[in-house]
C-alpha atoms as a PDB file:
ATOM      1  CA  VAL A   1      11.918   4.600 -10.659  1.00  0.00           C
ATOM      2  CA  GLN A   2      12.508   1.773  -8.218  1.00  0.00           C
ATOM      3  CA  LEU A   3       9.828   0.895  -5.624  1.00  0.00           C
ATOM      4  CA  GLN A   4      10.740  -1.102  -2.579  1.00  0.00           C
ATOM      5  CA  ALA A   5       7.811  -2.323  -0.423  1.00  0.00           C
ATOM      6  CA  SER A   6       8.343  -3.953   2.961  1.00  0.00           C
ATOM      7  CA  GLY A   7       6.549  -4.739   6.179  1.00  0.00           C
ATOM      8  CA  GLY A   8       4.471  -7.585   5.184  1.00  0.00           C
ATOM      9  CA  GLY A   9       4.121 -10.797   7.212  1.00  0.00           C
ATOM     10  CA  PHE A  10       1.906 -13.506   8.743  1.00  0.00           C
ATOM     11  CA  VAL A  11      -0.748 -12.173  11.256  1.00  0.00           C
ATOM     12  CA  GLN A  12      -3.897 -13.498  12.895  1.00  0.00           C
ATOM     13  CA  THR A  13      -7.300 -12.011  12.264  1.00  0.00           C
ATOM     14  CA  GLY A  14      -7.539  -8.765  14.082  1.00  0.00           C
ATOM     15  CA  GLY A  15      -3.912  -8.117  14.097  1.00  0.00           C
ATOM     16  CA  SER A  16      -1.986  -5.149  12.611  1.00  0.00           C
ATOM     17  CA  LEU A  17       0.814  -4.525  10.178  1.00  0.00           C
ATOM     18  CA  LYS A  18       2.523  -1.356   8.913  1.00  0.00           C
ATOM     19  CA  LEU A  19       3.845  -1.430   5.305  1.00  0.00           C
ATOM     20  CA  SER A  20       6.276   0.965   3.806  1.00  0.00           C
ATOM     21  CA  CYS A  21       7.171   1.654   0.299  1.00  0.00           C
ATOM     22  CA  THR A  22      10.244   3.804  -0.714  1.00  0.00           C
ATOM     23  CA  ALA A  23      10.607   5.262  -4.215  1.00  0.00           C
ATOM     24  CA  SER A  24      13.984   6.023  -5.687  1.00  0.00           C
ATOM     25  CA  GLY A  25      14.685   7.882  -8.842  1.00  0.00           C
ATOM     26  CA  SER A  26      11.618  10.230  -8.852  1.00  0.00           C
ATOM     27  CA  ILE A  27      10.574  13.496  -7.333  1.00  0.00           C
ATOM     28  CA  PHE A  28       8.307  11.705  -5.014  1.00  0.00           C
ATOM     29  CA  SER A  29       6.419  14.727  -3.672  1.00  0.00           C
ATOM     30  CA  LEU A  30       5.018  15.517  -7.171  1.00  0.00           C
ATOM     31  CA  ASP A  31       3.065  12.243  -7.377  1.00  0.00           C
ATOM     32  CA  ALA A  32      -0.167  11.096  -5.782  1.00  0.00           C
ATOM     33  CA  MET A  33       0.457   7.534  -4.492  1.00  0.00           C
ATOM     34  CA  GLY A  34      -1.588   4.524  -3.953  1.00  0.00           C
ATOM     35  CA  TRP A  35      -1.334   1.134  -2.231  1.00  0.00           C
ATOM     36  CA  TYR A  36      -2.557  -1.738  -4.245  1.00  0.00           C
ATOM     37  CA  ARG A  37      -3.020  -5.382  -3.428  1.00  0.00           C
ATOM     38  CA  GLN A  38      -3.352  -8.536  -5.374  1.00  0.00           C
ATOM     39  CA  ALA A  39      -5.129 -11.393  -3.826  1.00  0.00           C
ATOM     40  CA  PRO A  40      -4.607 -15.002  -4.941  1.00  0.00           C
ATOM     41  CA  GLY A  41      -6.322 -15.467  -8.280  1.00  0.00           C
ATOM     42  CA  ARG A  42      -7.666 -11.966  -8.498  1.00  0.00           C
ATOM     43  CA  GLN A  43      -6.640  -8.798 -10.189  1.00  0.00           C
ATOM     44  CA  ARG A  44      -4.668  -6.026  -8.556  1.00  0.00           C
ATOM     45  CA  GLU A  45      -6.855  -3.515  -6.828  1.00  0.00           C
ATOM     46  CA  LEU A  46      -6.449  -0.078  -5.401  1.00  0.00           C
ATOM     47  CA  VAL A  47      -7.118  -0.039  -1.640  1.00  0.00           C
ATOM     48  CA  ALA A  48      -5.781   3.338  -0.534  1.00  0.00           C
ATOM     49  CA  SER A  49      -4.559   6.555  -2.099  1.00  0.00           C
ATOM     50  CA  ILE A  50      -2.947   9.844  -0.944  1.00  0.00           C
ATOM     51  CA  SER A  51      -2.665  13.016  -2.957  1.00  0.00           C
ATOM     52  CA  THR A  52       0.254  15.505  -3.122  1.00  0.00           C
ATOM     53  CA  ASP A  53      -1.677  17.623  -0.483  1.00  0.00           C
ATOM     54  CA  TYR A  54      -2.317  14.576   1.796  1.00  0.00           C
ATOM     55  CA  ARG A  55      -5.908  13.937   0.902  1.00  0.00           C
ATOM     56  CA  THR A  56      -6.685  10.310   1.300  1.00  0.00           C
ATOM     57  CA  ASN A  57      -9.160   7.869  -0.148  1.00  0.00           C
ATOM     58  CA  TYR A  58      -9.952   4.305   0.685  1.00  0.00           C
ATOM     59  CA  ALA A  59     -11.742   1.258  -0.821  1.00  0.00           C
ATOM     60  CA  ASP A  60     -14.873   0.475   0.989  1.00  0.00           C
ATOM     61  CA  SER A  61     -13.425  -2.947   1.929  1.00  0.00           C
ATOM     62  CA  VAL A  62     -10.672  -1.239   4.093  1.00  0.00           C
ATOM     63  CA  LYS A  63     -12.229   2.031   5.122  1.00  0.00           C
ATOM     64  CA  GLY A  64     -11.906   2.526   8.831  1.00  0.00           C
ATOM     65  CA  ARG A  65      -9.252  -0.109   9.235  1.00  0.00           C
ATOM     66  CA  PHE A  66      -6.348   1.103   6.963  1.00  0.00           C
ATOM     67  CA  THR A  67      -4.574   4.415   7.115  1.00  0.00           C
ATOM     68  CA  ILE A  68      -2.286   5.710   4.333  1.00  0.00           C
ATOM     69  CA  SER A  69       0.371   8.365   4.977  1.00  0.00           C
ATOM     70  CA  ARG A  70       3.348   9.645   3.284  1.00  0.00           C
ATOM     71  CA  ASP A  71       6.713  11.222   4.265  1.00  0.00           C
ATOM     72  CA  ASN A  72       8.132  13.184   1.244  1.00  0.00           C
ATOM     73  CA  ALA A  73      11.420  13.774   3.033  1.00  0.00           C
ATOM     74  CA  LYS A  74      11.977  10.096   2.973  1.00  0.00           C
ATOM     75  CA  ASP A  75      10.349   9.355  -0.355  1.00  0.00           C
ATOM     76  CA  THR A  76       8.085   6.813   1.424  1.00  0.00           C
ATOM     77  CA  VAL A  77       4.381   5.969   1.572  1.00  0.00           C
ATOM     78  CA  TYR A  78       3.012   3.949   4.512  1.00  0.00           C
ATOM     79  CA  LEU A  79      -0.008   1.763   5.036  1.00  0.00           C
ATOM     80  CA  GLN A  80      -1.115   1.102   8.522  1.00  0.00           C
ATOM     81  CA  MET A  81      -3.371  -1.901   8.551  1.00  0.00           C
ATOM     82  CA  ASP A  82      -5.532  -2.732  11.659  1.00  0.00           C
ATOM     83  CA  SER A  83      -8.259  -5.218  12.402  1.00  0.00           C
ATOM     84  CA  LEU A  84      -6.896  -7.415   9.586  1.00  0.00           C
ATOM     85  CA  LYS A  85      -9.116  -9.898   8.068  1.00  0.00           C
ATOM     86  CA  PRO A  86      -8.378 -13.119   6.040  1.00  0.00           C
ATOM     87  CA  GLU A  87      -9.683 -11.335   2.957  1.00  0.00           C
ATOM     88  CA  ASP A  88      -6.894  -8.816   3.250  1.00  0.00           C
ATOM     89  CA  THR A  89      -4.464 -11.444   2.358  1.00  0.00           C
ATOM     90  CA  GLY A  90      -2.337 -10.690  -0.862  1.00  0.00           C
ATOM     91  CA  VAL A  91       0.758  -9.027  -2.245  1.00  0.00           C
ATOM     92  CA  TYR A  92       0.695  -5.321  -1.590  1.00  0.00           C
ATOM     93  CA  TYR A  93       2.341  -2.875  -3.872  1.00  0.00           C
ATOM     94  CA  CYS A  94       2.638   0.902  -4.020  1.00  0.00           C
ATOM     95  CA  ASN A  95       2.698   2.953  -7.248  1.00  0.00           C
ATOM     96  CA  ARG A  96       1.858   6.356  -8.527  1.00  0.00           C
ATOM     97  CA  LEU A  97      -1.817   7.070  -8.917  1.00  0.00           C
ATOM     98  CA  TYR A  98      -1.767   8.960 -12.202  1.00  0.00           C
ATOM     99  CA  GLY A  99       0.271   8.726 -15.409  1.00  0.00           C
ATOM    100  CA  SER A 100       2.357   5.782 -16.521  1.00  0.00           C
ATOM    101  CA  VAL A 101       2.877   3.339 -13.671  1.00  0.00           C
ATOM    102  CA  TRP A 102       6.387   2.726 -12.446  1.00  0.00           C
ATOM    103  CA  ASN A 103       7.860  -0.705 -12.282  1.00  0.00           C
ATOM    104  CA  TRP A 104       5.785  -2.578  -9.685  1.00  0.00           C
ATOM    105  CA  GLY A 105       8.685  -4.280  -7.920  1.00  0.00           C
ATOM    106  CA  GLN A 106       8.194  -7.445  -5.747  1.00  0.00           C
ATOM    107  CA  GLY A 107       5.645  -6.018  -3.438  1.00  0.00           C
ATOM    108  CA  THR A 108       5.273  -7.339   0.029  1.00  0.00           C
ATOM    109  CA  LEU A 109       3.143 -10.317   1.118  1.00  0.00           C
ATOM    110  CA  VAL A 110       0.535 -10.138   3.814  1.00  0.00           C
ATOM    111  CA  THR A 111      -1.079 -13.209   5.054  1.00  0.00           C
ATOM    112  CA  VAL A 112      -3.880 -13.121   7.524  1.00  0.00           C
ATOM    113  CA  SER A 113      -4.959 -16.277   9.191  1.00  0.00           C
ATOM    114  CA  SER A 114      -8.480 -17.031  10.382  1.00  0.00           C
END
């Protein structure tokens, strides 16, 4: 399975970005999906997830600011990020939530300036 994340960029504090991640080579609708981020010098962490029946969960650090969604017809999961903070800076990846992880791919870099 190939994962292609996009939509990152440079934004000032308080700004917004919308990330997209498209999966190819899988039956996308059968998997719960997550958005993960890896900040400089830190381990990769799960920030948001969405189940096959569209239930969502968020890390406390992003709750109320980030919104995860999915479009199974496009094999794509999205992450709308609002009210961005410098601590949101990192490389963002998507992957399945359960089972053996797929190849992480390059991710997409988000940089939030103070």
